[in-house]
Amino acid sequence: MPFHDIDNMPIYWPDHEDIAMQLYERFGADFDESKIYRIRFTELIEWVLEIPNFAGTREECNEAHLEQVQSKWVYEWRSNNR
């Protein structure tokens, strides 16, 4: 696979950091740390499923994945806003 195709690789639920980076790119600084942790999981699932190249399914999602996504998203926010 050519290097330029790396952005087109499928993303799955265990790819927490990739998901968080995509969410940060979408929402930027609109969601700070406290807002990220207050997002309802039902909303978060929908946002993840809307990510381009996301290949996971709703059925594969669980609370542990969502908590990890939130944590990684906060880390991404912190690294870009402090």
N, C-alpha and C. Protein backbone atom coordinates (compact mmCIF):
# COMPACT_ATOMS: atom_id res chain seq x y z
N MET A 1 0.85 -1.18 0.00
CA MET A 1 0.00 0.00 0.00
C MET A 1 0.89 1.24 0.00
N PRO A 2 0.68 2.13 -0.93
CA PRO A 2 1.43 3.38 -0.95
C PRO A 2 1.17 4.22 0.30
N PHE A 3 2.16 4.98 0.69
CA PHE A 3 2.07 5.79 1.91
C PHE A 3 0.91 6.77 1.85
N HIS A 4 0.63 7.34 0.70
CA HIS A 4 -0.45 8.34 0.61
C HIS A 4 -1.84 7.74 0.86
N ASP A 5 -1.95 6.42 0.83
CA ASP A 5 -3.23 5.75 1.09
C ASP A 5 -3.51 5.56 2.58
N ILE A 6 -2.55 5.94 3.43
CA ILE A 6 -2.71 5.71 4.86
C ILE A 6 -3.94 6.43 5.42
N ASP A 7 -4.28 7.60 4.88
CA ASP A 7 -5.46 8.33 5.35
C ASP A 7 -6.76 7.66 4.94
N ASN A 8 -6.69 6.71 4.04
CA ASN A 8 -7.89 6.03 3.57
C ASN A 8 -8.08 4.66 4.21
N MET A 9 -7.24 4.33 5.18
CA MET A 9 -7.37 3.03 5.85
C MET A 9 -8.63 3.03 6.71
N PRO A 10 -9.26 1.89 6.83
CA PRO A 10 -10.47 1.83 7.67
C PRO A 10 -10.13 2.03 9.15
N ILE A 11 -11.05 2.63 9.87
CA ILE A 11 -10.92 2.86 11.30
C ILE A 11 -11.97 1.98 12.00
N TYR A 12 -11.56 1.33 13.09
CA TYR A 12 -12.45 0.45 13.85
C TYR A 12 -12.53 0.92 15.30
N TRP A 13 -13.46 0.38 16.07
CA TRP A 13 -13.65 0.80 17.45
C TRP A 13 -12.38 0.76 18.30
N PRO A 14 -11.51 -0.24 18.17
CA PRO A 14 -10.29 -0.24 19.00
C PRO A 14 -9.28 0.85 18.62
N ASP A 15 -9.50 1.55 17.53
CA ASP A 15 -8.59 2.61 17.09
C ASP A 15 -8.95 3.93 17.80
N HIS A 16 -8.93 3.91 19.12
CA HIS A 16 -9.40 5.03 19.93
C HIS A 16 -8.70 6.34 19.59
N GLU A 17 -7.39 6.28 19.42
CA GLU A 17 -6.65 7.51 19.14
C GLU A 17 -7.02 8.09 17.77
N ASP A 18 -7.17 7.23 16.78
CA ASP A 18 -7.56 7.70 15.44
C ASP A 18 -8.95 8.33 15.47
N ILE A 19 -9.86 7.70 16.21
CA ILE A 19 -11.21 8.24 16.34
C ILE A 19 -11.15 9.61 17.01
N ALA A 20 -10.39 9.70 18.10
CA ALA A 20 -10.28 10.97 18.83
C ALA A 20 -9.71 12.07 17.95
N MET A 21 -8.72 11.74 17.15
CA MET A 21 -8.13 12.74 16.26
C MET A 21 -9.16 13.22 15.24
N GLN A 22 -9.96 12.32 14.73
CA GLN A 22 -11.01 12.69 13.77
C GLN A 22 -12.06 13.59 14.43
N LEU A 23 -12.42 13.26 15.66
CA LEU A 23 -13.41 14.08 16.38
C LEU A 23 -12.85 15.46 16.67
N TYR A 24 -11.57 15.53 17.04
CA TYR A 24 -10.96 16.84 17.28
C TYR A 24 -10.92 17.65 15.99
N GLU A 25 -10.59 17.01 14.89
CA GLU A 25 -10.57 17.73 13.60
C GLU A 25 -11.96 18.25 13.27
N ARG A 26 -12.98 17.50 13.60
CA ARG A 26 -14.35 17.92 13.29
C ARG A 26 -14.82 19.06 14.19
N PHE A 27 -14.56 18.94 15.49
CA PHE A 27 -15.12 19.90 16.45
C PHE A 27 -14.12 20.93 16.96
N GLY A 28 -12.83 20.68 16.81
CA GLY A 28 -11.81 21.61 17.26
C GLY A 28 -11.97 21.99 18.72
N ALA A 29 -11.79 23.26 19.00
CA ALA A 29 -11.85 23.76 20.37
C ALA A 29 -13.28 24.00 20.85
N ASP A 30 -14.28 23.71 20.02
CA ASP A 30 -15.67 23.89 20.44
C ASP A 30 -16.00 23.01 21.64
N PHE A 31 -15.33 21.88 21.75
CA PHE A 31 -15.54 20.98 22.88
C PHE A 31 -14.28 20.97 23.72
N ASP A 32 -14.36 21.58 24.92
CA ASP A 32 -13.23 21.55 25.83
C ASP A 32 -13.35 20.28 26.69
N GLU A 33 -12.41 20.13 27.60
CA GLU A 33 -12.35 18.91 28.40
C GLU A 33 -13.66 18.60 29.12
N SER A 34 -14.24 19.58 29.77
CA SER A 34 -15.46 19.30 30.52
C SER A 34 -16.62 18.95 29.60
N LYS A 35 -16.69 19.58 28.44
CA LYS A 35 -17.77 19.25 27.50
C LYS A 35 -17.60 17.86 26.92
N ILE A 36 -16.36 17.47 26.64
CA ILE A 36 -16.11 16.14 26.08
C ILE A 36 -16.61 15.06 27.05
N TYR A 37 -16.33 15.24 28.33
CA TYR A 37 -16.75 14.23 29.30
C TYR A 37 -18.24 14.27 29.59
N ARG A 38 -18.95 15.30 29.15
CA ARG A 38 -20.40 15.38 29.36
C ARG A 38 -21.20 14.95 28.14
N ILE A 39 -20.52 14.54 27.08
CA ILE A 39 -21.23 14.08 25.87
C ILE A 39 -21.93 12.76 26.17
N ARG A 40 -23.18 12.70 25.79
CA ARG A 40 -23.92 11.43 25.94
C ARG A 40 -23.35 10.40 25.00
N PHE A 41 -23.25 9.18 25.48
CA PHE A 41 -22.69 8.11 24.65
C PHE A 41 -23.53 7.88 23.39
N THR A 42 -24.83 8.12 23.47
CA THR A 42 -25.67 7.94 22.28
C THR A 42 -25.26 8.92 21.19
N GLU A 43 -24.89 10.16 21.57
CA GLU A 43 -24.42 11.14 20.59
C GLU A 43 -23.04 10.75 20.07
N LEU A 44 -22.17 10.34 20.98
CA LEU A 44 -20.81 9.99 20.61
C LEU A 44 -20.79 8.84 19.60
N ILE A 45 -21.63 7.86 19.82
CA ILE A 45 -21.72 6.74 18.87
C ILE A 45 -22.06 7.25 17.48
N GLU A 46 -23.05 8.12 17.38
CA GLU A 46 -23.47 8.65 16.09
C GLU A 46 -22.33 9.42 15.41
N TRP A 47 -21.61 10.24 16.18
CA TRP A 47 -20.51 11.01 15.61
C TRP A 47 -19.40 10.10 15.10
N VAL A 48 -19.12 9.05 15.84
CA VAL A 48 -18.08 8.10 15.41
C VAL A 48 -18.52 7.40 14.13
N LEU A 49 -19.76 6.99 14.08
CA LEU A 49 -20.25 6.28 12.89
C LEU A 49 -20.23 7.17 11.65
N GLU A 50 -20.24 8.49 11.83
CA GLU A 50 -20.20 9.44 10.71
C GLU A 50 -18.77 9.71 10.20
N ILE A 51 -17.76 9.24 10.91
CA ILE A 51 -16.37 9.49 10.51
C ILE A 51 -16.10 8.81 9.17
N PRO A 52 -15.52 9.56 8.22
CA PRO A 52 -15.15 8.92 6.95
C PRO A 52 -14.17 7.77 7.21
N ASN A 53 -14.34 6.70 6.50
CA ASN A 53 -13.49 5.51 6.62
C ASN A 53 -13.72 4.72 7.91
N PHE A 54 -14.71 5.11 8.72
CA PHE A 54 -15.00 4.30 9.90
C PHE A 54 -15.71 3.04 9.45
N ALA A 55 -15.15 1.89 9.80
CA ALA A 55 -15.68 0.62 9.32
C ALA A 55 -16.31 -0.22 10.42
N GLY A 56 -16.32 0.31 11.64
CA GLY A 56 -16.94 -0.43 12.73
C GLY A 56 -18.46 -0.34 12.65
N THR A 57 -19.11 -1.09 13.50
CA THR A 57 -20.57 -1.09 13.53
C THR A 57 -21.06 -0.68 14.92
N ARG A 58 -22.30 -0.29 14.97
CA ARG A 58 -22.94 0.06 16.25
C ARG A 58 -22.89 -1.14 17.21
N GLU A 59 -23.08 -2.33 16.67
CA GLU A 59 -23.11 -3.54 17.50
C GLU A 59 -21.75 -3.85 18.13
N GLU A 60 -20.67 -3.42 17.50
CA GLU A 60 -19.33 -3.66 18.04
C GLU A 60 -18.95 -2.67 19.13
N CYS A 61 -19.73 -1.62 19.27
CA CYS A 61 -19.44 -0.57 20.24
C CYS A 61 -19.79 -1.04 21.65
N ASN A 62 -18.99 -0.59 22.61
CA ASN A 62 -19.33 -0.83 24.02
C ASN A 62 -18.85 0.34 24.86
N GLU A 63 -19.22 0.34 26.12
CA GLU A 63 -18.91 1.45 27.01
C GLU A 63 -17.40 1.67 27.13
N ALA A 64 -16.65 0.59 27.17
CA ALA A 64 -15.19 0.71 27.30
C ALA A 64 -14.59 1.46 26.10
N HIS A 65 -15.06 1.16 24.91
CA HIS A 65 -14.57 1.87 23.72
C HIS A 65 -14.90 3.36 23.82
N LEU A 66 -16.12 3.67 24.21
CA LEU A 66 -16.55 5.07 24.29
C LEU A 66 -15.76 5.84 25.35
N GLU A 67 -15.49 5.21 26.48
CA GLU A 67 -14.69 5.85 27.52
C GLU A 67 -13.27 6.12 27.02
N GLN A 68 -12.70 5.17 26.30
CA GLN A 68 -11.35 5.36 25.76
C GLN A 68 -11.32 6.47 24.70
N VAL A 69 -12.35 6.51 23.88
CA VAL A 69 -12.43 7.58 22.88
C VAL A 69 -12.48 8.93 23.57
N GLN A 70 -13.31 9.05 24.61
CA GLN A 70 -13.39 10.31 25.35
C GLN A 70 -12.02 10.69 25.93
N SER A 71 -11.34 9.74 26.55
CA SER A 71 -10.04 10.02 27.15
C SER A 71 -9.02 10.47 26.11
N LYS A 72 -9.00 9.78 24.99
CA LYS A 72 -8.05 10.15 23.92
C LYS A 72 -8.42 11.49 23.31
N TRP A 73 -9.69 11.79 23.21
CA TRP A 73 -10.14 13.08 22.67
C TRP A 73 -9.70 14.20 23.61
N VAL A 74 -9.84 14.00 24.91
CA VAL A 74 -9.37 15.01 25.88
C VAL A 74 -7.87 15.20 25.74
N TYR A 75 -7.13 14.12 25.61
CA TYR A 75 -5.68 14.22 25.43
C TYR A 75 -5.35 15.02 24.16
N GLU A 76 -6.07 14.76 23.09
CA GLU A 76 -5.87 15.49 21.83
C GLU A 76 -6.20 16.97 22.02
N TRP A 77 -7.29 17.26 22.71
CA TRP A 77 -7.68 18.65 22.98
C TRP A 77 -6.60 19.36 23.79
N ARG A 78 -6.12 18.69 24.85
CA ARG A 78 -5.08 19.27 25.71
C ARG A 78 -3.81 19.58 24.92
N SER A 79 -3.41 18.63 24.08
CA SER A 79 -2.15 18.83 23.34
C SER A 79 -2.26 19.96 22.32
N ASN A 80 -3.45 20.33 21.93
CA ASN A 80 -3.63 21.40 20.94
C ASN A 80 -4.07 22.73 21.54
N ASN A 81 -4.43 22.76 22.83
CA ASN A 81 -5.00 23.97 23.41
C ASN A 81 -4.32 24.46 24.69
N ARG A 82 -3.22 23.89 25.04
CA ARG A 82 -2.55 24.38 26.26
C ARG A 82 -1.14 24.76 25.98
